[in-house]
């Protein structure tokens, strides 16, 4: 599935070739985010308290504008996200960190004709978990409340994920390229825990939400997108 999504991204990003009448950009992005998770058992109507953690993100960006102020944006990112979970003592906190390879494909809109322009992106993404890390000052297996908490198990739980990404920010063109500063919100639709069976007690709803900020440097190819278009 990930291979098909990556192939779709490449085909859509480079369709038509580098047409001089259109605006193309390639670049790199980096930033930080705050992520958390909703973990609950919908059928049993129980919710497991979780907290937020800090993470980083970075990757490659391709943008194409077949028309002024409207286009598409594809990315290939490495993203850190996860959540924290406390036991009886808030100090006894377990932090779960996921490292994902994510491929968003979004519609892109620009507004304004001044040097600084407002921009917004929206679209789906697919992701594949590359690794995960669990940090804890205690051994969760010996905790009295462990029956009410379910930590990620790579042998049981899911690596593939998908969801929606929305961003908004500012775009500025310079003689040496362009910069894009944006805030973003990412909602995972797929669960990272696998309940296996309805009576397993494992949460059947486990989804990350991410709020972040990033800076992107873009190098123009072909006709450059300007505020006068």
Protein backbone atom coordinates (compact mmCIF):
# COMPACT_ATOMS: atom_id res chain seq x y z
CA UNK A 1 0.00 0.00 0.00
CA UNK A 2 2.84 2.38 0.88
CA UNK A 3 4.57 1.65 -2.43
CA UNK A 4 1.38 2.45 -4.35
CA UNK A 5 0.94 5.71 -2.42
CA UNK A 6 4.56 6.73 -3.07
CA UNK A 7 4.17 5.96 -6.79
CA UNK A 8 0.97 8.04 -6.93
CA UNK A 9 2.79 10.91 -5.25
CA UNK A 10 5.62 10.84 -7.80
CA UNK A 11 3.29 10.59 -10.79
CA UNK A 12 1.06 13.43 -9.61
CA UNK A 13 4.00 15.64 -8.66
CA UNK A 14 5.76 15.31 -11.99
CA UNK A 15 2.91 14.94 -14.48
CA UNK A 16 3.40 16.93 -17.65
CA UNK A 17 7.13 17.48 -17.10
CA UNK A 18 8.74 20.79 -16.16
CA UNK A 19 6.55 23.03 -18.27
CA UNK A 20 8.02 26.53 -18.52
CA UNK A 21 4.51 27.99 -18.48
CA UNK A 22 3.81 26.59 -15.03
CA UNK A 23 5.35 27.20 -11.62
CA UNK A 24 7.32 24.41 -9.96
CA UNK A 25 9.16 24.39 -6.66
CA UNK A 26 11.28 21.83 -4.85
CA UNK A 27 12.57 22.30 -1.34
CA UNK A 28 13.18 21.13 2.19
CA UNK A 29 11.18 21.68 5.36
CA UNK A 30 11.77 21.30 9.09
CA UNK A 31 9.90 22.06 12.27
CA UNK A 32 8.54 20.98 15.63
CA UNK A 33 5.20 19.67 16.83
CA UNK A 34 3.14 18.82 19.88
CA UNK A 35 1.34 15.50 19.64
CA UNK A 36 -1.09 13.57 21.78
CA UNK A 37 -3.45 10.65 21.39
CA UNK A 38 -7.05 9.70 22.00
CA UNK A 39 -7.06 6.21 23.51
CA UNK A 40 -10.38 4.74 24.55
CA UNK A 41 -12.64 1.71 24.35
CA UNK A 42 -15.70 2.83 22.42
CA UNK A 43 -17.75 -0.29 23.13
CA UNK A 44 -17.00 -0.29 26.87
CA UNK A 45 -17.18 3.52 26.98
CA UNK A 46 -13.91 3.90 28.89
CA UNK A 47 -11.25 6.53 28.22
CA UNK A 48 -7.58 6.22 29.15
CA UNK A 49 -5.97 9.54 30.24
CA UNK A 50 -3.06 10.57 28.03
CA UNK A 51 -0.78 13.59 27.71
CA UNK A 52 1.15 15.40 24.99
CA UNK A 53 4.81 15.23 23.96
CA UNK A 54 7.18 17.30 21.81
CA UNK A 55 8.57 16.02 18.51
CA UNK A 56 10.34 17.06 15.32
CA UNK A 57 9.55 16.76 11.63
CA UNK A 58 11.41 17.31 8.36
CA UNK A 59 11.44 16.27 4.74
CA UNK A 60 11.21 17.13 1.04
CA UNK A 61 8.56 19.24 -0.70
CA UNK A 62 7.36 19.46 -4.32
CA UNK A 63 4.87 22.15 -5.39
CA UNK A 64 3.24 22.68 -8.77
CA UNK A 65 0.92 25.51 -9.88
CA UNK A 66 -0.96 24.80 -13.14
CA UNK A 67 -2.81 28.07 -12.50
CA UNK A 68 -1.90 31.20 -10.49
CA UNK A 69 -2.85 30.89 -6.82
CA UNK A 70 -3.94 27.27 -7.14
CA UNK A 71 -1.90 24.09 -7.20
CA UNK A 72 -0.81 20.88 -5.52
CA UNK A 73 1.82 20.12 -2.90
CA UNK A 74 3.41 16.77 -2.16
CA UNK A 75 5.77 15.95 0.69
CA UNK A 76 7.90 13.08 1.97
CA UNK A 77 8.47 13.58 5.71
CA UNK A 78 9.96 11.90 8.74
CA UNK A 79 7.67 12.76 11.64
CA UNK A 80 7.94 12.13 15.38
CA UNK A 81 4.70 11.80 17.29
CA UNK A 82 3.29 9.91 20.23
CA UNK A 83 1.75 10.40 23.66
CA UNK A 84 2.38 10.07 27.38
CA UNK A 85 0.48 7.98 29.90
CA UNK A 86 0.55 8.22 33.71
CA UNK A 87 -0.03 5.47 36.23
CA UNK A 88 -1.06 6.00 39.88
CA UNK A 89 1.71 8.53 40.46
CA UNK A 90 1.96 11.30 37.82
CA UNK A 91 5.75 11.02 38.13
CA UNK A 92 5.51 7.43 36.89
CA UNK A 93 4.92 8.51 33.32
CA UNK A 94 5.35 6.31 30.25
CA UNK A 95 6.22 8.16 27.02
CA UNK A 96 5.66 6.47 23.66
CA UNK A 97 7.42 8.00 20.62
CA UNK A 98 6.61 6.93 17.05
CA UNK A 99 8.84 7.72 14.05
CA UNK A 100 6.83 7.69 10.82
CA UNK A 101 7.59 8.07 7.14
CA UNK A 102 4.62 10.13 5.91
CA UNK A 103 3.58 11.15 2.39
CA UNK A 104 0.95 13.95 2.27
CA UNK A 105 -0.68 15.03 -1.00
CA UNK A 106 -2.53 18.33 -0.69
CA UNK A 107 -4.39 21.00 -2.60
CA UNK A 108 -2.66 24.38 -2.31
CA UNK A 109 -4.21 27.88 -2.42
CA UNK A 110 -2.58 31.33 -2.22
CA UNK A 111 -4.35 34.63 -1.57
CA UNK A 112 -3.06 38.16 -2.09
CA UNK A 113 -0.72 39.94 -4.49
CA UNK A 114 1.77 41.48 -2.07
CA UNK A 115 5.23 40.14 -1.21
CA UNK A 116 3.86 38.19 1.74
CA UNK A 117 0.95 35.98 0.71
CA UNK A 118 -1.42 33.85 2.73
CA UNK A 119 -1.39 30.16 1.82
CA UNK A 120 -3.37 27.08 2.86
CA UNK A 121 -3.04 23.35 2.16
CA UNK A 122 -5.42 20.47 2.75
CA UNK A 123 -5.28 16.81 1.83
CA UNK A 124 -4.75 13.18 2.87
CA UNK A 125 -1.56 11.44 3.87
CA UNK A 126 -0.34 7.88 4.28
CA UNK A 127 2.35 6.79 6.70
CA UNK A 128 4.49 3.85 7.75
CA UNK A 129 6.00 3.46 11.20
CA UNK A 130 9.78 3.17 10.97
CA UNK A 131 10.45 2.71 14.68
CA UNK A 132 9.06 3.36 18.13
CA UNK A 133 10.53 4.05 21.56
CA UNK A 134 9.06 3.65 25.04
CA UNK A 135 10.62 5.48 27.98
CA UNK A 136 9.55 4.96 31.58
CA UNK A 137 11.06 5.28 35.08
CA UNK A 138 9.14 2.13 36.03
CA UNK A 139 8.43 -1.30 34.62
CA UNK A 140 4.86 -1.11 33.24
CA UNK A 141 4.56 -4.89 33.48
CA UNK A 142 4.74 -4.73 37.29
CA UNK A 143 2.41 -1.74 37.72
CA UNK A 144 -0.80 -2.44 39.58
CA UNK A 145 -2.85 -0.45 37.07
CA UNK A 146 -1.36 -2.08 33.99
CA UNK A 147 -4.70 -3.76 33.20
CA UNK A 148 -6.14 -0.31 32.43
CA UNK A 149 -3.34 0.70 30.08
CA UNK A 150 -2.24 -0.76 26.78
CA UNK A 151 1.15 0.17 25.38
CA UNK A 152 2.25 -0.24 21.76
CA UNK A 153 3.35 -3.78 20.90
CA UNK A 154 5.18 -4.05 17.52
CA UNK A 155 4.27 -7.73 17.25
CA UNK A 156 0.56 -7.04 17.64
CA UNK A 157 -0.16 -3.46 16.63
CA UNK A 158 -0.25 -1.54 13.36
CA UNK A 159 2.51 0.14 11.38
CA UNK A 160 0.49 1.56 8.47
CA UNK A 161 -1.45 4.75 9.11
CA UNK A 162 -3.41 7.40 7.21
CA UNK A 163 -5.20 10.64 7.93
CA UNK A 164 -5.74 14.30 7.02
CA UNK A 165 -3.35 17.24 7.08
CA UNK A 166 -4.26 20.94 7.08
CA UNK A 167 -1.79 23.83 7.04
CA UNK A 168 -1.97 27.62 6.87
CA UNK A 169 0.73 30.26 6.82
CA UNK A 170 2.71 32.82 4.82
CA UNK A 171 4.70 32.55 1.59
CA UNK A 172 7.41 34.99 0.46
CA UNK A 173 9.38 35.02 -2.80
CA UNK A 174 13.02 36.21 -2.89
CA UNK A 175 15.64 36.41 -5.62
CA UNK A 176 17.33 33.28 -4.25
CA UNK A 177 14.15 31.24 -3.74
CA UNK A 178 11.09 31.29 -1.51
CA UNK A 179 10.26 30.70 2.15
CA UNK A 180 7.08 29.28 3.57
CA UNK A 181 6.18 29.56 7.27
CA UNK A 182 3.16 27.57 8.35
CA UNK A 183 1.23 26.08 11.20
CA UNK A 184 -0.23 22.64 10.66
CA UNK A 185 -2.78 20.26 12.11
CA UNK A 186 -2.64 16.53 11.41
CA UNK A 187 -5.36 14.07 12.36
CA UNK A 188 -4.69 10.34 12.18
CA UNK A 189 -7.71 8.37 11.02
CA UNK A 190 -6.09 4.96 11.39
CA UNK A 191 -5.53 3.39 14.83
CA UNK A 192 -2.04 2.47 16.04
CA UNK A 193 -3.32 -0.19 18.49
CA UNK A 194 -4.86 -3.42 17.21
CA UNK A 195 -7.71 -4.62 19.45
CA UNK A 196 -7.48 -8.10 17.87
CA UNK A 197 -10.94 -9.11 19.19
CA UNK A 198 -13.85 -7.18 20.67
CA UNK A 199 -13.43 -8.85 24.06
CA UNK A 200 -9.64 -8.33 24.31
CA UNK A 201 -10.07 -5.13 26.31
CA UNK A 202 -7.49 -3.37 24.13
CA UNK A 203 -8.69 0.14 23.11
CA UNK A 204 -10.46 0.08 19.75
CA UNK A 205 -9.84 3.81 19.23
CA UNK A 206 -6.20 4.98 19.32
CA UNK A 207 -5.37 7.97 17.14
CA UNK A 208 -2.73 10.68 17.23
CA UNK A 209 -3.41 14.38 16.77
CA UNK A 210 -0.53 16.74 15.99
CA UNK A 211 -0.13 20.52 16.09
CA UNK A 212 3.06 21.89 14.57
CA UNK A 213 4.99 24.74 13.04
CA UNK A 214 7.50 24.50 10.20
CA UNK A 215 9.69 26.53 7.85
CA UNK A 216 10.21 25.50 4.22
CA UNK A 217 12.82 26.71 1.74
CA UNK A 218 11.75 26.34 -1.91
CA UNK A 219 13.79 26.60 -5.09
CA UNK A 220 11.78 27.62 -8.21
CA UNK A 221 11.90 25.63 -11.47
CA UNK A 222 10.46 26.95 -14.73
CA UNK A 223 8.41 30.14 -14.64
CA UNK A 224 8.50 31.65 -11.17
CA UNK A 225 5.28 32.34 -9.28
CA UNK A 226 5.13 36.07 -8.52
CA UNK A 227 2.75 38.38 -6.72
CA UNK A 228 1.73 39.98 -10.01
CA UNK A 229 0.24 36.78 -11.49
